[in-house]
Amino acid sequence: MSKKTYQRQFGGRTLRVEIGEMAKQARGAALISYGDSQVLSVATAKTESANAGFFPLMVIYQEKLYAAGKIPGG
């Protein structure tokens, strides 16, 4: 998949969405940038189960202490 970039001014800052460059082993990935903040969103999937009556969804959220400026032992 080739890299695609979309940009738009929003609230006085640049909102940028980049797809097709990162996480190439995933089914889909997007790097969203707004000002100095960035979020990498990745989706993976396997073959569809015919008897599933629901959509299983799992979210893994990890907050690192150093992201909040708290460094252990410092």
Protein backbone atom coordinates (compact mmCIF):
# COMPACT_ATOMS: atom_id res chain seq x y z
CA MET A 1 0.00 0.00 0.00
CA SER A 2 1.39 3.39 -0.90
CA LYS A 3 1.68 6.17 1.65
CA LYS A 4 -1.19 8.65 1.73
CA THR A 5 -1.18 11.87 3.74
CA TYR A 6 -4.15 14.10 4.49
CA GLN A 7 -3.77 17.53 6.15
CA ARG A 8 -6.24 20.11 7.35
CA GLN A 9 -6.07 23.16 9.58
CA PHE A 10 -8.21 22.65 12.68
CA GLY A 11 -8.31 24.94 15.70
CA GLY A 12 -5.20 26.84 14.60
CA ARG A 13 -3.10 23.67 14.34
CA THR A 14 -2.40 21.16 11.60
CA LEU A 15 -4.28 17.87 11.76
CA ARG A 16 -2.40 15.25 9.73
CA VAL A 17 -3.42 11.65 9.00
CA GLU A 18 -0.84 9.32 7.43
CA ILE A 19 -1.72 5.82 6.26
CA GLY A 20 0.23 3.10 4.49
CA GLU A 21 3.71 3.69 5.92
CA MET A 22 3.82 2.24 9.43
CA ALA A 23 2.83 -1.17 10.88
CA LYS A 24 2.93 -2.96 7.54
CA GLN A 25 2.10 -6.36 9.10
CA ALA A 26 -1.26 -5.06 10.35
CA ARG A 27 -4.41 -4.94 8.24
CA GLY A 28 -4.59 -1.18 8.69
CA ALA A 29 -2.70 1.55 10.50
CA ALA A 30 -2.93 5.32 10.77
CA LEU A 31 -0.59 7.86 12.34
CA ILE A 32 -2.62 10.87 13.45
CA SER A 33 -0.76 14.06 14.38
CA TYR A 34 -2.28 17.20 15.87
CA GLY A 35 0.15 19.90 16.90
CA ASP A 36 2.83 18.21 19.03
CA SER A 37 0.72 15.10 19.81
CA GLN A 38 0.75 11.85 17.83
CA VAL A 39 -1.34 8.67 18.02
CA LEU A 40 -0.62 5.43 16.16
CA SER A 41 -3.80 3.42 15.63
CA VAL A 42 -3.43 -0.16 14.34
CA ALA A 43 -6.06 -2.77 13.46
CA THR A 44 -5.47 -6.48 12.90
CA ALA A 45 -7.87 -9.24 11.92
CA LYS A 46 -7.94 -12.92 11.14
CA THR A 47 -10.42 -14.88 9.11
CA GLU A 48 -14.05 -14.37 10.05
CA SER A 49 -15.75 -17.02 12.18
CA ALA A 50 -19.12 -18.03 10.71
CA ASN A 51 -20.72 -18.86 14.09
CA ALA A 52 -19.73 -15.73 16.03
CA GLY A 53 -22.82 -13.88 17.23
CA PHE A 54 -20.79 -10.93 18.47
CA PHE A 55 -17.81 -8.81 17.49
CA PRO A 56 -14.92 -9.56 19.87
CA LEU A 57 -12.90 -6.44 20.64
CA MET A 58 -9.79 -6.12 22.79
CA VAL A 59 -8.04 -2.90 23.77
CA ILE A 60 -4.58 -2.86 25.32
CA TYR A 61 -3.85 0.42 27.10
CA GLN A 62 -0.49 1.00 28.74
CA GLU A 63 0.39 4.26 30.40
CA LYS A 64 4.06 4.65 31.15
CA LEU A 65 5.09 6.69 34.17
CA TYR A 66 7.69 8.63 32.21
CA ALA A 67 4.94 9.87 29.85
CA ALA A 68 3.52 11.82 32.80
CA GLY A 69 6.97 13.07 33.83
CA LYS A 70 7.32 10.55 36.69
CA ILE A 71 10.63 8.72 36.48
CA PRO A 72 11.10 5.90 39.03
CA GLY A 73 14.08 6.47 41.29
CA GLY A 74 14.47 10.05 40.09
